[in-house]
C-alpha atoms as a PDB file:
ATOM      1  CA  MET A   1       0.000   0.000   0.000  1.00  0.00           C
ATOM      2  CA  GLU A   2       1.373   3.389  -0.988  1.00  0.00           C
ATOM      3  CA  LYS A   3       2.414   5.931   1.628  1.00  0.00           C
ATOM      4  CA  ASN A   4      -0.217   8.394   2.856  1.00  0.00           C
ATOM      5  CA  THR A   5      -3.141   6.793   1.054  1.00  0.00           C
ATOM      6  CA  VAL A   6      -6.645   5.907   2.163  1.00  0.00           C
ATOM      7  CA  HIS A   7      -8.021   2.486   1.223  1.00  0.00           C
ATOM      8  CA  ARG A   8     -11.641   1.425   1.553  1.00  0.00           C
ATOM      9  CA  LEU A   9     -12.440  -1.927   3.138  1.00  0.00           C
ATOM     10  CA  ASP A  10     -15.547  -3.925   2.242  1.00  0.00           C
ATOM     11  CA  LEU A  11     -16.765  -5.524   5.473  1.00  0.00           C
ATOM     12  CA  GLY A  12     -20.069  -6.865   4.207  1.00  0.00           C
ATOM     13  CA  TYR A  13     -23.606  -5.504   4.354  1.00  0.00           C
ATOM     14  CA  PHE A  14     -26.844  -5.535   6.304  1.00  0.00           C
ATOM     15  CA  VAL A  15     -30.517  -5.021   5.528  1.00  0.00           C
ATOM     16  CA  ARG A  16     -32.077  -1.949   7.103  1.00  0.00           C
ATOM     17  CA  PRO A  17     -35.780  -2.700   7.600  1.00  0.00           C
ATOM     18  CA  ALA A  18     -38.451  -0.482   6.091  1.00  0.00           C
ATOM     19  CA  SER A  19     -39.316   0.792   9.567  1.00  0.00           C
ATOM     20  CA  GLU A  20     -35.930   2.565   9.583  1.00  0.00           C
ATOM     21  CA  THR A  21     -35.678   3.707   5.960  1.00  0.00           C
ATOM     22  CA  GLY A  22     -38.556   6.167   5.927  1.00  0.00           C
ATOM     23  CA  GLY A  23     -40.094   4.381   2.941  1.00  0.00           C
ATOM     24  CA  PRO A  24     -42.036   1.246   2.016  1.00  0.00           C
ATOM     25  CA  GLN A  25     -38.997  -0.919   1.232  1.00  0.00           C
ATOM     26  CA  PRO A  26     -36.031  -2.241   3.213  1.00  0.00           C
ATOM     27  CA  ARG A  27     -32.587  -1.127   2.051  1.00  0.00           C
ATOM     28  CA  VAL A  28     -29.378  -3.126   1.756  1.00  0.00           C
ATOM     29  CA  GLU A  29     -26.424  -1.046   2.959  1.00  0.00           C
ATOM     30  CA  PRO A  30     -22.695  -1.708   2.693  1.00  0.00           C
ATOM     31  CA  VAL A  31     -20.477  -1.743   5.744  1.00  0.00           C
ATOM     32  CA  LEU A  32     -17.322   0.173   4.888  1.00  0.00           C
ATOM     33  CA  ALA A  33     -14.182   0.904   6.858  1.00  0.00           C
ATOM     34  CA  TYR A  34     -10.975   2.675   5.878  1.00  0.00           C
ATOM     35  CA  VAL A  35      -7.294   2.131   6.490  1.00  0.00           C
ATOM     36  CA  VAL A  36      -4.899   5.066   6.321  1.00  0.00           C
ATOM     37  CA  ARG A  37      -1.116   4.851   6.071  1.00  0.00           C
ATOM     38  CA  ARG A  38       0.886   7.652   7.657  1.00  0.00           C
ATOM     39  CA  GLU A  39       4.538   7.979   8.609  1.00  0.00           C
ATOM     40  CA  GLU A  40       3.539   7.184  12.185  1.00  0.00           C
ATOM     41  CA  GLY A  41       1.805   3.945  11.242  1.00  0.00           C
ATOM     42  CA  LEU A  42      -1.585   2.636  10.142  1.00  0.00           C
ATOM     43  CA  ILE A  43      -4.944   3.971  11.280  1.00  0.00           C
ATOM     44  CA  LEU A  44      -8.097   1.877  10.980  1.00  0.00           C
ATOM     45  CA  PHE A  45     -11.323   3.881  10.813  1.00  0.00           C
ATOM     46  CA  ASP A  46     -14.168   1.570  11.888  1.00  0.00           C
ATOM     47  CA  THR A  47     -13.878  -2.190  12.149  1.00  0.00           C
ATOM     48  CA  GLY A  48     -17.039  -3.803  10.789  1.00  0.00           C
ATOM     49  CA  VAL A  49     -20.102  -5.678  12.053  1.00  0.00           C
ATOM     50  CA  GLY A  50     -19.764  -7.465  15.351  1.00  0.00           C
ATOM     51  CA  ALA A  51     -21.580 -10.551  16.583  1.00  0.00           C
ATOM     52  CA  ALA A  52     -24.931  -9.569  18.044  1.00  0.00           C
ATOM     53  CA  ASP A  53     -27.810 -11.100  19.966  1.00  0.00           C
ATOM     54  CA  PRO A  54     -30.344 -13.194  18.009  1.00  0.00           C
ATOM     55  CA  GLU A  55     -32.925 -10.378  17.955  1.00  0.00           C
ATOM     56  CA  THR A  56     -30.465  -7.893  16.407  1.00  0.00           C
ATOM     57  CA  GLU A  57     -29.215 -10.505  13.951  1.00  0.00           C
ATOM     58  CA  ALA A  58     -32.769 -11.193  12.780  1.00  0.00           C
ATOM     59  CA  HIS A  59     -33.576  -7.481  12.593  1.00  0.00           C
ATOM     60  CA  TYR A  60     -30.599  -6.495  10.367  1.00  0.00           C
ATOM     61  CA  ARG A  61     -29.633  -9.830   8.739  1.00  0.00           C
ATOM     62  CA  PRO A  62     -25.935  -8.889   8.406  1.00  0.00           C
ATOM     63  CA  ARG A  63     -23.525 -10.628   6.078  1.00  0.00           C
ATOM     64  CA  ARG A  64     -19.989 -10.135   7.264  1.00  0.00           C
ATOM     65  CA  ARG A  65     -16.609 -10.088   5.587  1.00  0.00           C
ATOM     66  CA  SER A  66     -13.727 -10.734   7.946  1.00  0.00           C
ATOM     67  CA  LEU A  67     -11.627  -7.757   8.955  1.00  0.00           C
ATOM     68  CA  GLU A  68      -8.450  -9.778   8.453  1.00  0.00           C
ATOM     69  CA  GLY A  69      -9.496 -10.675   4.899  1.00  0.00           C
ATOM     70  CA  ALA A  70     -10.457  -7.129   4.006  1.00  0.00           C
ATOM     71  CA  LEU A  71      -7.155  -5.798   5.290  1.00  0.00           C
ATOM     72  CA  ALA A  72      -5.214  -8.517   3.486  1.00  0.00           C
ATOM     73  CA  ALA A  73      -6.867  -7.438   0.229  1.00  0.00           C
ATOM     74  CA  VAL A  74      -5.072  -4.078   0.542  1.00  0.00           C
ATOM     75  CA  GLY A  75      -1.828  -5.614   1.788  1.00  0.00           C
ATOM     76  CA  VAL A  76      -2.189  -4.883   5.501  1.00  0.00           C
ATOM     77  CA  PRO A  77      -1.780  -7.516   8.242  1.00  0.00           C
ATOM     78  CA  LEU A  78      -4.061  -6.972  11.234  1.00  0.00           C
ATOM     79  CA  ALA A  79      -1.005  -6.860  13.505  1.00  0.00           C
ATOM     80  CA  GLU A  80       0.288  -3.729  11.757  1.00  0.00           C
ATOM     81  CA  ILE A  81      -2.648  -1.525  12.764  1.00  0.00           C
ATOM     82  CA  SER A  82      -1.349   1.168  15.118  1.00  0.00           C
ATOM     83  CA  LEU A  83      -4.471   3.155  15.974  1.00  0.00           C
ATOM     84  CA  VAL A  84      -8.240   2.586  15.778  1.00  0.00           C
ATOM     85  CA  VAL A  85     -10.818   5.344  15.332  1.00  0.00           C
ATOM     86  CA  ASN A  86     -14.530   4.542  15.521  1.00  0.00           C
ATOM     87  CA  CYS A  87     -16.968   7.101  14.177  1.00  0.00           C
ATOM     88  CA  HIS A  88     -19.344   5.777  16.840  1.00  0.00           C
ATOM     89  CA  LEU A  89     -19.862   2.594  18.809  1.00  0.00           C
ATOM     90  CA  HIS A  90     -22.902   0.929  17.254  1.00  0.00           C
ATOM     91  CA  PHE A  91     -22.243  -2.754  16.586  1.00  0.00           C
ATOM     92  CA  ASP A  92     -21.818  -2.289  12.809  1.00  0.00           C
ATOM     93  CA  HIS A  93     -18.890   0.108  13.308  1.00  0.00           C
ATOM     94  CA  CYS A  94     -16.907  -1.388  16.200  1.00  0.00           C
ATOM     95  CA  GLY A  95     -17.399  -5.095  15.554  1.00  0.00           C
ATOM     96  CA  GLY A  96     -13.728  -5.846  14.964  1.00  0.00           C
ATOM     97  CA  ASN A  97     -12.412  -3.885  17.948  1.00  0.00           C
ATOM     98  CA  PRO A  98     -11.868  -6.995  20.124  1.00  0.00           C
ATOM     99  CA  LEU A  99      -9.439  -8.286  17.469  1.00  0.00           C
ATOM    100  CA  LEU A 100      -7.305  -5.213  18.158  1.00  0.00           C
ATOM    101  CA  ALA A 101      -6.874  -5.556  21.907  1.00  0.00           C
ATOM    102  CA  GLY A 102      -4.125  -3.298  23.209  1.00  0.00           C
ATOM    103  CA  ARG A 103      -4.328  -0.885  20.301  1.00  0.00           C
ATOM    104  CA  PRO A 104      -5.499   2.632  21.240  1.00  0.00           C
ATOM    105  CA  ILE A 105      -9.126   3.300  20.240  1.00  0.00           C
ATOM    106  CA  VAL A 106      -9.953   6.997  19.834  1.00  0.00           C
ATOM    107  CA  VAL A 107     -13.512   7.811  20.856  1.00  0.00           C
ATOM    108  CA  GLN A 108     -15.459  10.795  22.118  1.00  0.00           C
ATOM    109  CA  SER A 109     -16.042  10.604  25.875  1.00  0.00           C
ATOM    110  CA  VAL A 110     -19.766  11.180  25.417  1.00  0.00           C
ATOM    111  CA  GLU A 111     -19.940   8.280  22.956  1.00  0.00           C
ATOM    112  CA  LEU A 112     -18.168   5.843  25.252  1.00  0.00           C
ATOM    113  CA  ALA A 113     -20.401   6.877  28.156  1.00  0.00           C
ATOM    114  CA  ALA A 114     -23.502   6.255  26.018  1.00  0.00           C
ATOM    115  CA  ALA A 115     -22.168   2.862  24.904  1.00  0.00           C
ATOM    116  CA  ARG A 116     -21.596   1.863  28.517  1.00  0.00           C
ATOM    117  CA  GLY A 117     -25.024   3.100  29.546  1.00  0.00           C
ATOM    118  CA  GLY A 118     -26.884   0.080  28.187  1.00  0.00           C
ATOM    119  CA  ASP A 119     -29.466  -0.447  25.446  1.00  0.00           C
ATOM    120  CA  TYR A 120     -27.130   1.166  22.918  1.00  0.00           C
ATOM    121  CA  THR A 121     -24.807  -1.397  21.366  1.00  0.00           C
ATOM    122  CA  ILE A 122     -23.401  -4.875  22.046  1.00  0.00           C
ATOM    123  CA  ASP A 123     -21.686  -4.673  25.428  1.00  0.00           C
ATOM    124  CA  ALA A 124     -19.067  -7.347  24.597  1.00  0.00           C
ATOM    125  CA  LEU A 125     -17.762  -5.111  21.795  1.00  0.00           C
ATOM    126  CA  ILE A 126     -17.072  -2.252  24.221  1.00  0.00           C
ATOM    127  CA  ASP A 127     -15.411  -3.554  27.381  1.00  0.00           C
ATOM    128  CA  PHE A 128     -13.509  -6.553  26.078  1.00  0.00           C
ATOM    129  CA  PRO A 129     -10.168  -7.800  27.466  1.00  0.00           C
ATOM    130  CA  GLY A 130      -7.412  -5.430  26.388  1.00  0.00           C
ATOM    131  CA  ALA A 131      -9.708  -2.551  25.372  1.00  0.00           C
ATOM    132  CA  ALA A 132      -7.575   0.606  25.418  1.00  0.00           C
ATOM    133  CA  TYR A 133      -9.650   3.733  24.857  1.00  0.00           C
ATOM    134  CA  GLU A 134      -8.215   7.173  24.262  1.00  0.00           C
ATOM    135  CA  GLU A 135     -11.124   9.410  25.199  1.00  0.00           C
ATOM    136  CA  ILE A 136     -11.320  12.896  23.742  1.00  0.00           C
ATOM    137  CA  SER A 137     -13.866  15.662  24.165  1.00  0.00           C
ATOM    138  CA  GLY A 138     -14.191  17.677  21.007  1.00  0.00           C
ATOM    139  CA  GLU A 139     -11.650  18.181  18.241  1.00  0.00           C
ATOM    140  CA  ALA A 140      -8.117  16.786  18.375  1.00  0.00           C
ATOM    141  CA  GLU A 141      -5.139  16.394  16.047  1.00  0.00           C
ATOM    142  CA  VAL A 142      -4.255  12.805  16.913  1.00  0.00           C
ATOM    143  CA  TRP A 143      -1.290  12.550  14.519  1.00  0.00           C
ATOM    144  CA  PRO A 144       0.284  15.257  12.361  1.00  0.00           C
ATOM    145  CA  GLY A 145      -2.194  16.006   9.585  1.00  0.00           C
ATOM    146  CA  VAL A 146      -4.902  13.793  11.075  1.00  0.00           C
ATOM    147  CA  TRP A 147      -7.785  15.433  12.944  1.00  0.00           C
ATOM    148  CA  ILE A 148     -10.797  14.068  14.765  1.00  0.00           C
ATOM    149  CA  VAL A 149     -13.793  16.402  14.372  1.00  0.00           C
ATOM    150  CA  PRO A 150     -17.069  15.952  16.274  1.00  0.00           C
ATOM    151  CA  THR A 151     -19.981  15.488  13.842  1.00  0.00           C
ATOM    152  CA  PRO A 152     -22.963  14.764  16.102  1.00  0.00           C
ATOM    153  CA  GLY A 153     -26.327  13.835  14.719  1.00  0.00           C
ATOM    154  CA  HIS A 154     -26.571  10.097  14.185  1.00  0.00           C
ATOM    155  CA  THR A 155     -25.307   9.857  17.777  1.00  0.00           C
ATOM    156  CA  ASP A 156     -24.315  12.608  20.183  1.00  0.00           C
ATOM    157  CA  GLY A 157     -20.731  11.360  20.158  1.00  0.00           C
ATOM    158  CA  HIS A 158     -20.334  10.740  16.436  1.00  0.00           C
ATOM    159  CA  GLN A 159     -16.972  11.864  15.040  1.00  0.00           C
ATOM    160  CA  SER A 160     -15.304  12.092  11.636  1.00  0.00           C
ATOM    161  CA  MET A 161     -11.618  11.924  10.701  1.00  0.00           C
ATOM    162  CA  VAL A 162      -9.863  14.442   8.486  1.00  0.00           C
ATOM    163  CA  VAL A 163      -6.682  13.357   6.697  1.00  0.00           C
ATOM    164  CA  ARG A 164      -4.337  15.698   4.858  1.00  0.00           C
ATOM    165  CA  GLU A 165      -3.142  13.958   1.704  1.00  0.00           C
ATOM    166  CA  ALA A 166      -0.645  15.069  -0.942  1.00  0.00           C
ATOM    167  CA  ASP A 167      -3.484  15.506  -3.451  1.00  0.00           C
ATOM    168  CA  GLY A 168      -5.894  17.170  -1.018  1.00  0.00           C
ATOM    169  CA  THR A 169      -7.815  16.526   2.155  1.00  0.00           C
ATOM    170  CA  VAL A 170      -9.944  13.415   2.663  1.00  0.00           C
ATOM    171  CA  VAL A 171     -12.767  13.337   5.202  1.00  0.00           C
ATOM    172  CA  LEU A 172     -13.828   9.957   6.565  1.00  0.00           C
ATOM    173  CA  ALA A 173     -17.335  10.950   7.589  1.00  0.00           C
ATOM    174  CA  GLY A 174     -18.629   7.626   8.877  1.00  0.00           C
ATOM    175  CA  GLN A 175     -22.365   7.944   9.396  1.00  0.00           C
ATOM    176  CA  ALA A 176     -22.381  11.721   9.769  1.00  0.00           C
ATOM    177  CA  HIS A 177     -24.619  11.417   6.711  1.00  0.00           C
ATOM    178  CA  ASP A 178     -26.141   8.180   5.499  1.00  0.00           C
ATOM    179  CA  PHE A 179     -25.438   9.023   1.857  1.00  0.00           C
ATOM    180  CA  ALA A 180     -23.039  11.144  -0.174  1.00  0.00           C
ATOM    181  CA  SER A 181     -26.093  12.803  -1.736  1.00  0.00           C
ATOM    182  CA  SER A 182     -27.302  13.885   1.713  1.00  0.00           C
ATOM    183  CA  PHE A 183     -23.914  15.424   2.413  1.00  0.00           C
ATOM    184  CA  ALA A 184     -24.077  17.200  -0.954  1.00  0.00           C
ATOM    185  CA  SER A 185     -27.506  18.618  -0.113  1.00  0.00           C
ATOM    186  CA  ASP A 186     -26.304  19.988   3.212  1.00  0.00           C
ATOM    187  CA  HIS A 187     -23.153  21.353   1.587  1.00  0.00           C
ATOM    188  CA  LEU A 188     -25.247  23.230  -0.982  1.00  0.00           C
ATOM    189  CA  ALA A 189     -27.617  24.504   1.699  1.00  0.00           C
ATOM    190  CA  ARG A 190     -24.600  25.940   3.486  1.00  0.00           C
ATOM    191  CA  GLN A 191     -23.355  27.509   0.249  1.00  0.00           C
ATOM    192  CA  ALA A 192     -26.754  29.081  -0.443  1.00  0.00           C
ATOM    193  CA  ALA A 193     -26.802  30.616   3.028  1.00  0.00           C
ATOM    194  CA  ARG A 194     -23.263  31.964   2.593  1.00  0.00           C
ATOM    195  CA  ASP A 195     -24.275  33.419  -0.783  1.00  0.00           C
ATOM    196  CA  GLY A 196     -26.979  35.413   0.953  1.00  0.00           C
ATOM    197  CA  LEU A 197     -30.032  33.759  -0.550  1.00  0.00           C
ATOM    198  CA  ALA A 198     -33.229  34.764   1.207  1.00  0.00           C
ATOM    199  CA  GLN A 199     -35.048  32.378   3.497  1.00  0.00           C
ATOM    200  CA  PRO A 200     -36.594  29.906   3.458  1.00  0.00           C
ATOM    201  CA  LEU A 201     -33.535  27.704   3.050  1.00  0.00           C
ATOM    202  CA  PRO A 202     -32.952  24.207   4.404  1.00  0.00           C
ATOM    203  CA  ALA A 203     -31.054  23.958   7.644  1.00  0.00           C
ATOM    204  CA  TYR A 204     -27.642  22.301   7.544  1.00  0.00           C
ATOM    205  CA  ARG A 205     -25.530  20.709  10.206  1.00  0.00           C
ATOM    206  CA  PRO A 206     -23.397  23.373  11.873  1.00  0.00           C
ATOM    207  CA  TRP A 207     -20.230  21.288  11.947  1.00  0.00           C
ATOM    208  CA  LEU A 208     -20.118  21.495   8.139  1.00  0.00           C
ATOM    209  CA  ASP A 209     -18.507  24.903   8.667  1.00  0.00           C
ATOM    210  CA  ARG A 210     -15.585  23.230  10.421  1.00  0.00           C
ATOM    211  CA  LEU A 211     -15.212  20.499   7.809  1.00  0.00           C
ATOM    212  CA  ALA A 212     -15.247  23.160   5.080  1.00  0.00           C
ATOM    213  CA  ASP A 213     -12.259  24.828   6.760  1.00  0.00           C
ATOM    214  CA  PHE A 214     -10.204  21.817   5.667  1.00  0.00           C
ATOM    215  CA  ASP A 215     -11.224  22.277   1.993  1.00  0.00           C
ATOM    216  CA  PRO A 216     -11.950  18.572   1.451  1.00  0.00           C
ATOM    217  CA  ARG A 217     -11.331  17.032  -1.955  1.00  0.00           C
ATOM    218  CA  ARG A 218     -13.128  13.785  -1.090  1.00  0.00           C
ATOM    219  CA  VAL A 219     -15.641  12.783   1.576  1.00  0.00           C
ATOM    220  CA  LEU A 220     -16.146   9.060   2.217  1.00  0.00           C
ATOM    221  CA  PHE A 221     -18.942   7.338   4.114  1.00  0.00           C
ATOM    222  CA  ALA A 222     -19.620   4.193   6.131  1.00  0.00           C
ATOM    223  CA  HIS A 223     -22.799   3.009   4.397  1.00  0.00           C
ATOM    224  CA  ASP A 224     -22.497   4.473   0.902  1.00  0.00           C
ATOM    225  CA  CYS A 225     -19.980   3.474  -1.776  1.00  0.00           C
ATOM    226  CA  SER A 226     -20.455   6.848  -3.465  1.00  0.00           C
ATOM    227  CA  VAL A 227     -17.846   9.552  -2.839  1.00  0.00           C
ATOM    228  CA  TRP A 228     -18.552  13.275  -2.526  1.00  0.00           C
ATOM    229  CA  GLU A 229     -16.212  15.554  -4.474  1.00  0.00           C
ATOM    230  CA  PRO A 230     -16.515  19.336  -4.817  1.00  0.00           C
ATOM    231  CA  SER A 231     -17.896  20.738  -8.048  1.00  0.00           C
ATOM    232  CA  GLY A 232     -15.640  23.770  -7.743  1.00  0.00           C
ATOM    233  CA  HIS A 233     -13.630  25.764  -5.237  1.00  0.00           C
ATOM    234  CA  GLY A 234     -16.317  28.157  -4.070  1.00  0.00           C
ATOM    235  CA  GLY A 235     -17.526  28.288  -0.467  1.00  0.00           C
END
C-alpha cells in the first residue's frame, strides 16, 4: 500500500428494515471501513459488524466479511494496525475492535459513556479484554495532519476523521450522513446561506462549517460506496 493513502475496506452488508428507511422498502447497505497509512503507522477507521444477539441478527440480517481478509486485500496484516478510530460505537462500526486488543481506540467521551449506559450497542464489543480507549472531548489532532472532528447527529458522540493527503484533504465521515447525496444537499444549503439567498432555506448541520475549513477534496462514508467531491472551489 502506498504511503499516505486511504483504502476502503468492504466488510459486508446488512438489511435496514423499512421501519428505519422512511419508505415502504427495506434497504441493503454496505459496511465500509478505511485504512490510512501515515509515517507514524496505520490507522483503521471503523472495524465492521460485530456478533450480536439473536434479535439484532434477525432485525438487520448482516452478512460479514472478515476484517483480516479485508485488510489482506489491501496488503495490511491486522497486527500492523497502530491506531483505531470509531466514528461511533454501534455494533456495525466497532465489531472488529476486540481483534485489536491493546491498540489505542480513539472515541469521544460522550460516545463511550452512552455505549456503557446500556441499550445502545453490544456490550461485549465495548469492554472486552485489552480494550484501550483514548477518550477525547471535542476536536483533536491525533497525529500530524490527522484530525478528529465531532460530527454529532446520528449519535451525540459521532466523530469524523480528516486526513491531509498530498493531493488534497480526505474526510472519513462515517455515518455523519447516510449518503453522499445527503452530504451534498447539506453542503449546498450551506453555500446558499453563505451566498446570501433569502429564506426559506434548508437547515444544515453546523459542523459542516468546520469540515469546510479543511477544503476537502473527497468525503467518504460508512454506508455508501459513493464519494462526494466538490464541483468547484467556491464556499
